[in-house]
């Protein structure tokens, strides 16, 4: 019979663990897994199961409240910047001290806790303090894509639930089951880097194949002038804007569903709407970064193909091929450097312009 864990496709081992943990819950759980492994969906499902009298039936009011984001006793603490700040963790501490309004637990969710170890003032010790002496009816649900050594003490206070990245075959199968065209499902799965949410966005994007072709055509469209490099950077940036449109549409549909659920429950507004909208904006930003990384990977593959071709020519002592081998290697390095700089929060238009100017030399 379907329940709150059914949407977690490809996470059988983690789901089996959660079904056991929900029967005898402890004060803190840490959900870990690579980007796109449905960490947010997993903690939401687990929170619903914790509040549900039947441990996650998916049909009762308790499940509906949590899944729709309208349970007053389930709080997703939001951060305002790239890293967590001490005052934000103090908000989590205050929430954790509240008595639950309902019969379930006071559940406090903090996502991306690896970001308590970064920034100008790392604040992981403040989170550790909250975990050490929580009230009896409070449960912390934490998530992290990466667990640096600085979090070892926090990890020791939690039960860890490990999620895995989804394979292209998993994604393709899921999309096909959801009614996607087989070719579109295959293309989206290939471009999604194991991220189911991203795959579901991309399969709705008819222009995905065109964007792949655009990235692969970059070397042929660089004519050696600054104007050509600037035009290419602008064209790619505009394509990124269009690529995010299906995600925005999905988010609007999701908010409409939340509003409808809230009305059916007799509520005047969606609980935590500002936090949900802030989460949507972060998701849009992350989507653009993922789209850029995918495009850079496609571009790298073009230069690798050229490298292999020219290596064969170099073996035959063709001097021009030897020169092109070096040029291809330098181009691959330039693309790799751009990919690295994406994590530095640099303006993407500037990054693209710099990359195109660099590639003109090769």
Protein backbone atom coordinates (compact mmCIF):
# COMPACT_ATOMS: atom_id res chain seq x y z
CA UNK A 1 0.00 0.00 0.00
CA UNK A 2 1.45 3.46 -0.92
CA UNK A 3 2.86 5.55 1.93
CA UNK A 4 5.06 8.62 2.48
CA UNK A 5 8.24 6.76 1.53
CA UNK A 6 7.06 5.52 -1.88
CA UNK A 7 8.26 8.63 -3.79
CA UNK A 8 11.86 7.93 -2.69
CA UNK A 9 12.67 5.87 -5.76
CA UNK A 10 16.04 4.11 -5.77
CA UNK A 11 16.55 4.55 -2.02
CA UNK A 12 15.42 1.13 -0.85
CA UNK A 13 18.12 0.71 1.82
CA UNK A 14 17.55 4.19 3.29
CA UNK A 15 13.78 3.68 3.27
CA UNK A 16 14.11 0.35 5.07
CA UNK A 17 16.19 2.08 7.74
CA UNK A 18 13.69 4.92 8.12
CA UNK A 19 10.79 2.48 8.53
CA UNK A 20 12.67 0.97 11.48
CA UNK A 21 13.82 4.26 13.00
CA UNK A 22 10.35 5.80 13.00
CA UNK A 23 9.13 3.09 15.38
CA UNK A 24 11.65 3.98 18.10
CA UNK A 25 12.84 7.53 17.33
CA UNK A 26 15.82 9.21 18.93
CA UNK A 27 16.62 12.91 19.27
CA UNK A 28 18.63 13.49 16.05
CA UNK A 29 19.10 12.07 12.56
CA UNK A 30 21.59 13.10 9.88
CA UNK A 31 20.61 12.45 6.25
CA UNK A 32 23.59 12.36 3.90
CA UNK A 33 23.92 11.87 0.17
CA UNK A 34 25.18 13.48 -3.04
CA UNK A 35 23.43 16.40 -4.73
CA UNK A 36 20.19 15.23 -6.25
CA UNK A 37 19.73 12.27 -3.95
CA UNK A 38 16.41 13.65 -2.65
CA UNK A 39 17.64 14.67 0.81
CA UNK A 40 14.86 17.24 1.20
CA UNK A 41 12.20 14.74 0.13
CA UNK A 42 13.63 12.15 2.52
CA UNK A 43 13.55 14.38 5.61
CA UNK A 44 10.04 15.56 4.73
CA UNK A 45 8.82 11.97 4.37
CA UNK A 46 10.51 10.97 7.63
CA UNK A 47 9.00 13.96 9.45
CA UNK A 48 5.56 12.93 8.18
CA UNK A 49 6.12 9.36 9.37
CA UNK A 50 7.19 10.62 12.81
CA UNK A 51 3.99 12.65 13.18
CA UNK A 52 1.71 9.95 11.74
CA UNK A 53 -0.09 7.57 14.16
CA UNK A 54 0.45 4.83 11.56
CA UNK A 55 4.14 5.68 10.96
CA UNK A 56 3.69 7.29 7.53
CA UNK A 57 0.44 6.12 5.95
CA UNK A 58 0.42 9.10 3.57
CA UNK A 59 -3.36 9.53 3.87
CA UNK A 60 -4.11 10.90 7.33
CA UNK A 61 -4.29 14.57 8.30
CA UNK A 62 -0.94 14.39 10.10
CA UNK A 63 0.80 13.20 6.92
CA UNK A 64 -1.00 15.75 4.76
CA UNK A 65 -0.02 18.61 7.05
CA UNK A 66 3.67 17.73 6.97
CA UNK A 67 3.83 16.93 3.26
CA UNK A 68 2.06 20.19 2.39
CA UNK A 69 4.36 22.21 4.66
CA UNK A 70 1.55 23.18 7.02
CA UNK A 71 2.43 21.35 10.25
CA UNK A 72 3.18 23.98 12.91
CA UNK A 73 5.36 21.46 14.76
CA UNK A 74 7.68 20.82 11.78
CA UNK A 75 10.00 23.78 11.22
CA UNK A 76 12.52 24.10 8.40
CA UNK A 77 15.06 26.61 9.67
CA UNK A 78 16.26 28.82 6.81
CA UNK A 79 19.64 30.45 6.39
CA UNK A 80 19.89 33.87 4.74
CA UNK A 81 23.35 33.55 3.22
CA UNK A 82 25.81 31.10 1.72
CA UNK A 83 26.79 29.81 5.18
CA UNK A 84 24.91 29.30 8.43
CA UNK A 85 25.19 32.02 11.08
CA UNK A 86 25.09 31.69 14.87
CA UNK A 87 21.89 33.75 15.19
CA UNK A 88 20.12 31.40 12.75
CA UNK A 89 21.12 28.39 14.81
CA UNK A 90 19.86 30.17 17.91
CA UNK A 91 16.48 30.36 16.19
CA UNK A 92 16.63 26.58 15.81
CA UNK A 93 17.50 26.28 19.50
CA UNK A 94 14.48 28.40 20.51
CA UNK A 95 12.15 26.40 18.28
CA UNK A 96 13.48 23.13 19.71
CA UNK A 97 12.47 24.28 23.21
CA UNK A 98 8.80 24.70 22.30
CA UNK A 99 6.25 22.16 23.38
CA UNK A 100 4.50 20.51 20.41
CA UNK A 101 1.04 21.86 19.69
CA UNK A 102 -0.15 18.44 18.52
CA UNK A 103 0.27 14.90 19.73
CA UNK A 104 3.48 14.30 17.81
CA UNK A 105 6.96 15.77 18.08
CA UNK A 106 8.54 19.18 17.76
CA UNK A 107 10.65 18.56 14.63
CA UNK A 108 13.45 20.95 13.69
CA UNK A 109 15.00 20.59 10.23
CA UNK A 110 18.34 22.12 9.25
CA UNK A 111 19.60 21.43 5.74
CA UNK A 112 23.16 21.64 4.41
CA UNK A 113 24.77 21.59 7.85
CA UNK A 114 28.18 21.29 6.24
CA UNK A 115 27.76 25.05 5.79
CA UNK A 116 28.10 25.51 9.56
CA UNK A 117 31.84 24.93 9.05
CA UNK A 118 32.32 27.61 6.37
CA UNK A 119 32.14 31.38 6.16
CA UNK A 120 33.80 34.06 8.23
CA UNK A 121 32.48 32.65 11.54
CA UNK A 122 31.95 28.88 11.52
CA UNK A 123 29.13 28.02 13.92
CA UNK A 124 29.07 24.22 14.17
CA UNK A 125 29.64 24.39 17.98
CA UNK A 126 26.31 26.22 18.36
CA UNK A 127 24.54 23.38 16.55
CA UNK A 128 26.34 20.81 18.70
CA UNK A 129 25.10 22.54 21.84
CA UNK A 130 21.48 22.26 20.63
CA UNK A 131 21.91 18.54 19.97
CA UNK A 132 23.41 17.72 23.35
CA UNK A 133 20.37 18.35 25.57
CA UNK A 134 17.17 18.50 23.49
CA UNK A 135 13.72 18.26 25.14
CA UNK A 136 12.16 14.79 25.21
CA UNK A 137 9.62 15.52 22.45
CA UNK A 138 12.03 17.32 20.10
CA UNK A 139 13.71 15.66 17.13
CA UNK A 140 16.38 17.26 14.94
CA UNK A 141 16.56 16.26 11.27
CA UNK A 142 19.79 17.39 9.61
CA UNK A 143 21.03 17.02 6.03
CA UNK A 144 24.47 17.27 4.44
CA UNK A 145 25.78 16.51 0.97
CA UNK A 146 29.29 16.37 2.38
CA UNK A 147 30.47 15.59 5.92
CA UNK A 148 33.81 17.30 6.64
CA UNK A 149 35.92 16.20 9.64
CA UNK A 150 34.82 19.32 11.52
CA UNK A 151 31.36 17.74 11.81
CA UNK A 152 32.57 14.49 13.39
CA UNK A 153 31.29 15.43 16.86
CA UNK A 154 27.87 16.37 15.46
CA UNK A 155 27.72 13.14 13.46
CA UNK A 156 28.42 11.20 16.66
CA UNK A 157 25.26 12.70 18.21
CA UNK A 158 23.04 11.51 15.33
CA UNK A 159 21.85 8.37 13.63
CA UNK A 160 22.97 8.64 10.03
CA UNK A 161 20.67 7.83 7.11
CA UNK A 162 22.66 7.46 3.90
CA UNK A 163 21.05 8.12 0.52
CA UNK A 164 22.70 7.25 -2.77
CA UNK A 165 22.92 9.08 -6.06
CA UNK A 166 20.60 7.78 -8.76
CA UNK A 167 22.08 6.25 -11.90
CA UNK A 168 21.13 7.36 -15.40
CA UNK A 169 19.27 4.07 -15.80
CA UNK A 170 17.30 4.76 -12.59
CA UNK A 171 16.39 8.25 -13.75
CA UNK A 172 15.45 7.09 -17.23
CA UNK A 173 13.22 4.37 -15.80
CA UNK A 174 11.50 6.77 -13.40
CA UNK A 175 10.86 9.36 -16.11
CA UNK A 176 9.50 6.72 -18.46
CA UNK A 177 7.18 5.43 -15.72
CA UNK A 178 5.93 8.97 -15.27
CA UNK A 179 4.96 9.11 -18.93
CA UNK A 180 7.96 10.80 -20.55
CA UNK A 181 8.90 10.12 -24.16
CA UNK A 182 11.72 7.50 -24.16
CA UNK A 183 14.14 9.70 -26.12
CA UNK A 184 13.41 12.73 -23.91
CA UNK A 185 13.79 10.57 -20.80
CA UNK A 186 17.19 9.31 -21.95
CA UNK A 187 18.44 12.80 -22.80
CA UNK A 188 17.20 14.28 -19.52
CA UNK A 189 18.64 11.42 -17.46
CA UNK A 190 22.03 11.92 -19.11
CA UNK A 191 21.96 15.65 -18.34
CA UNK A 192 20.70 15.39 -14.77
CA UNK A 193 23.87 14.13 -13.02
CA UNK A 194 21.90 11.76 -10.83
CA UNK A 195 19.50 14.50 -9.69
CA UNK A 196 15.86 13.37 -9.95
CA UNK A 197 14.40 16.83 -9.44
CA UNK A 198 16.61 18.20 -12.20
CA UNK A 199 15.71 15.28 -14.48
CA UNK A 200 12.02 16.03 -14.01
CA UNK A 201 12.63 19.64 -15.01
CA UNK A 202 14.76 18.78 -18.01
CA UNK A 203 12.33 16.21 -19.42
CA UNK A 204 9.80 19.05 -19.73
CA UNK A 205 12.33 21.17 -21.63
CA UNK A 206 12.02 20.78 -25.39
CA UNK A 207 15.11 22.95 -25.90
CA UNK A 208 17.51 20.68 -23.99
CA UNK A 209 18.95 19.09 -27.15
CA UNK A 210 19.42 22.55 -28.66
CA UNK A 211 21.40 23.71 -25.61
CA UNK A 212 23.64 20.65 -25.79
CA UNK A 213 24.27 21.42 -29.45
CA UNK A 214 24.95 25.07 -28.55
CA UNK A 215 27.68 24.10 -26.07
CA UNK A 216 29.21 21.58 -28.45
CA UNK A 217 29.28 24.20 -31.19
CA UNK A 218 31.23 26.76 -29.17
CA UNK A 219 34.68 25.99 -30.69
CA UNK A 220 33.33 26.35 -34.22
CA UNK A 221 31.70 29.72 -33.49
CA UNK A 222 34.73 31.41 -31.96
CA UNK A 223 36.06 33.48 -34.82
CA UNK A 224 39.00 35.00 -32.95
CA UNK A 225 37.39 38.35 -32.17
CA UNK A 226 36.21 39.69 -28.80
CA UNK A 227 32.83 40.38 -30.38
CA UNK A 228 32.30 36.69 -31.20
CA UNK A 229 33.26 35.58 -27.69
CA UNK A 230 30.93 38.15 -26.12
CA UNK A 231 28.08 37.12 -28.41
CA UNK A 232 28.53 33.46 -27.49
CA UNK A 233 28.61 34.25 -23.76
CA UNK A 234 25.41 36.29 -24.10
CA UNK A 235 23.67 33.56 -26.10
CA UNK A 236 24.54 30.93 -23.49
CA UNK A 237 23.38 33.20 -20.65
CA UNK A 238 20.05 33.76 -22.42
CA UNK A 239 19.70 29.99 -22.91
CA UNK A 240 20.22 29.55 -19.16
CA UNK A 241 17.34 31.95 -18.51
CA UNK A 242 15.07 29.91 -20.77
CA UNK A 243 16.28 26.63 -19.25
CA UNK A 244 15.04 27.70 -15.80
CA UNK A 245 11.49 28.33 -17.07
CA UNK A 246 10.25 24.72 -16.58
CA UNK A 247 11.58 24.76 -13.00
CA UNK A 248 9.77 28.01 -12.27
CA UNK A 249 6.59 26.47 -13.70
CA UNK A 250 7.00 23.41 -11.45
CA UNK A 251 7.49 25.63 -8.42
CA UNK A 252 4.37 27.63 -9.26
CA UNK A 253 2.40 24.39 -9.55
CA UNK A 254 3.79 23.24 -6.21
CA UNK A 255 2.83 26.50 -4.50
CA UNK A 256 -0.67 26.28 -6.02
CA UNK A 257 -1.02 22.78 -4.54
CA UNK A 258 0.14 24.05 -1.13
CA UNK A 259 -2.40 26.88 -1.26
CA UNK A 260 -5.19 24.46 -2.15
CA UNK A 261 -4.15 22.10 0.67
CA UNK A 262 -4.10 24.97 3.15
CA UNK A 263 -7.61 26.06 2.12
CA UNK A 264 -8.93 22.52 2.44
CA UNK A 265 -7.53 22.44 5.97
CA UNK A 266 -9.26 25.72 6.79
CA UNK A 267 -6.07 27.78 6.88
CA UNK A 268 -5.98 31.32 5.51
CA UNK A 269 -2.45 31.04 4.14
CA UNK A 270 0.37 28.60 3.49
CA UNK A 271 2.55 28.16 6.55
CA UNK A 272 6.16 29.31 6.10
CA UNK A 273 5.40 30.73 2.65
CA UNK A 274 8.33 33.15 2.76
CA UNK A 275 10.71 30.33 3.63
CA UNK A 276 9.33 28.17 0.82
CA UNK A 277 9.75 31.00 -1.69
CA UNK A 278 13.32 31.56 -0.47
CA UNK A 279 13.96 27.86 -0.96
CA UNK A 280 12.59 28.11 -4.51
CA UNK A 281 15.00 30.96 -5.30
CA UNK A 282 17.94 28.93 -4.01
CA UNK A 283 16.78 25.99 -6.10
CA UNK A 284 16.68 28.20 -9.21
CA UNK A 285 20.22 29.38 -8.51
CA UNK A 286 21.42 25.81 -7.97
CA UNK A 287 19.70 24.74 -11.18
CA UNK A 288 21.59 27.41 -13.16
CA UNK A 289 24.87 26.25 -11.64
CA UNK A 290 24.06 22.62 -12.49
CA UNK A 291 23.11 23.67 -16.02
CA UNK A 292 26.41 25.48 -16.40
CA UNK A 293 28.36 22.49 -15.11
CA UNK A 294 26.57 20.22 -17.56
CA UNK A 295 27.31 22.61 -20.42
CA UNK A 296 30.97 22.80 -19.42
CA UNK A 297 31.10 19.01 -19.36
CA UNK A 298 29.64 18.88 -22.88
CA UNK A 299 32.26 21.41 -24.00
CA UNK A 300 35.04 19.43 -22.35
CA UNK A 301 33.91 16.33 -24.24
CA UNK A 302 34.27 18.20 -27.54
CA UNK A 303 37.88 19.12 -26.77
CA UNK A 304 38.61 15.58 -25.58
CA UNK A 305 37.29 14.22 -28.86
CA UNK A 306 39.57 16.65 -30.71
CA UNK A 307 42.45 15.63 -28.48
CA UNK A 308 42.03 11.95 -29.33
CA UNK A 309 41.75 12.76 -33.03
CA UNK A 310 44.90 14.89 -32.97
CA UNK A 311 46.85 12.38 -30.93
CA UNK A 312 46.33 9.90 -33.74
CA UNK A 313 47.68 12.48 -36.19
CA UNK A 314 50.64 13.25 -33.93
CA UNK A 315 51.62 9.58 -33.98
CA UNK A 316 52.01 9.99 -37.72
CA UNK A 317 54.41 12.91 -37.13
CA UNK A 318 52.03 15.61 -38.34
CA UNK A 319 53.32 18.86 -36.80
CA UNK A 320 49.93 20.58 -37.04
CA UNK A 321 48.35 17.74 -35.07
CA UNK A 322 51.03 18.09 -32.40
CA UNK A 323 50.13 21.78 -32.04
CA UNK A 324 46.42 20.95 -31.80
CA UNK A 325 47.09 18.37 -29.08
CA UNK A 326 48.60 21.12 -26.92
CA UNK A 327 45.75 23.50 -27.78
CA UNK A 328 43.12 20.92 -26.84
CA UNK A 329 44.81 20.26 -23.51
CA UNK A 330 44.95 23.98 -22.72
CA UNK A 331 41.28 24.35 -23.69
CA UNK A 332 40.32 21.48 -21.35
CA UNK A 333 42.27 23.17 -18.54
CA UNK A 334 40.48 26.48 -19.20
CA UNK A 335 37.06 24.81 -19.01
CA UNK A 336 38.06 22.98 -15.80
CA UNK A 337 39.17 26.27 -14.23
CA UNK A 338 35.82 27.86 -15.10
CA UNK A 339 34.00 24.92 -13.49
CA UNK A 340 36.09 25.35 -10.35
CA UNK A 341 35.32 29.08 -10.20
CA UNK A 342 31.58 28.36 -10.23
CA UNK A 343 31.84 27.44 -6.55
CA UNK A 344 33.27 30.90 -5.74
CA UNK A 345 29.94 32.66 -6.39
CA UNK A 346 31.42 34.75 -9.23
CA UNK A 347 29.07 36.43 -11.69
CA UNK A 348 28.27 33.83 -14.34
CA UNK A 349 28.27 36.35 -17.22
CA UNK A 350 31.81 37.38 -16.29
CA UNK A 351 32.85 33.73 -16.07
CA UNK A 352 31.43 32.95 -19.50
CA UNK A 353 33.09 35.98 -21.09
CA UNK A 354 36.44 35.05 -19.55
CA UNK A 355 36.08 31.47 -20.76
CA UNK A 356 35.22 32.42 -24.34
CA UNK A 357 38.14 34.86 -24.49
CA UNK A 358 40.46 32.12 -23.23
CA UNK A 359 39.16 29.55 -25.73
CA UNK A 360 39.78 31.96 -28.63
CA UNK A 361 43.48 31.28 -28.19
CA UNK A 362 43.07 27.56 -28.79
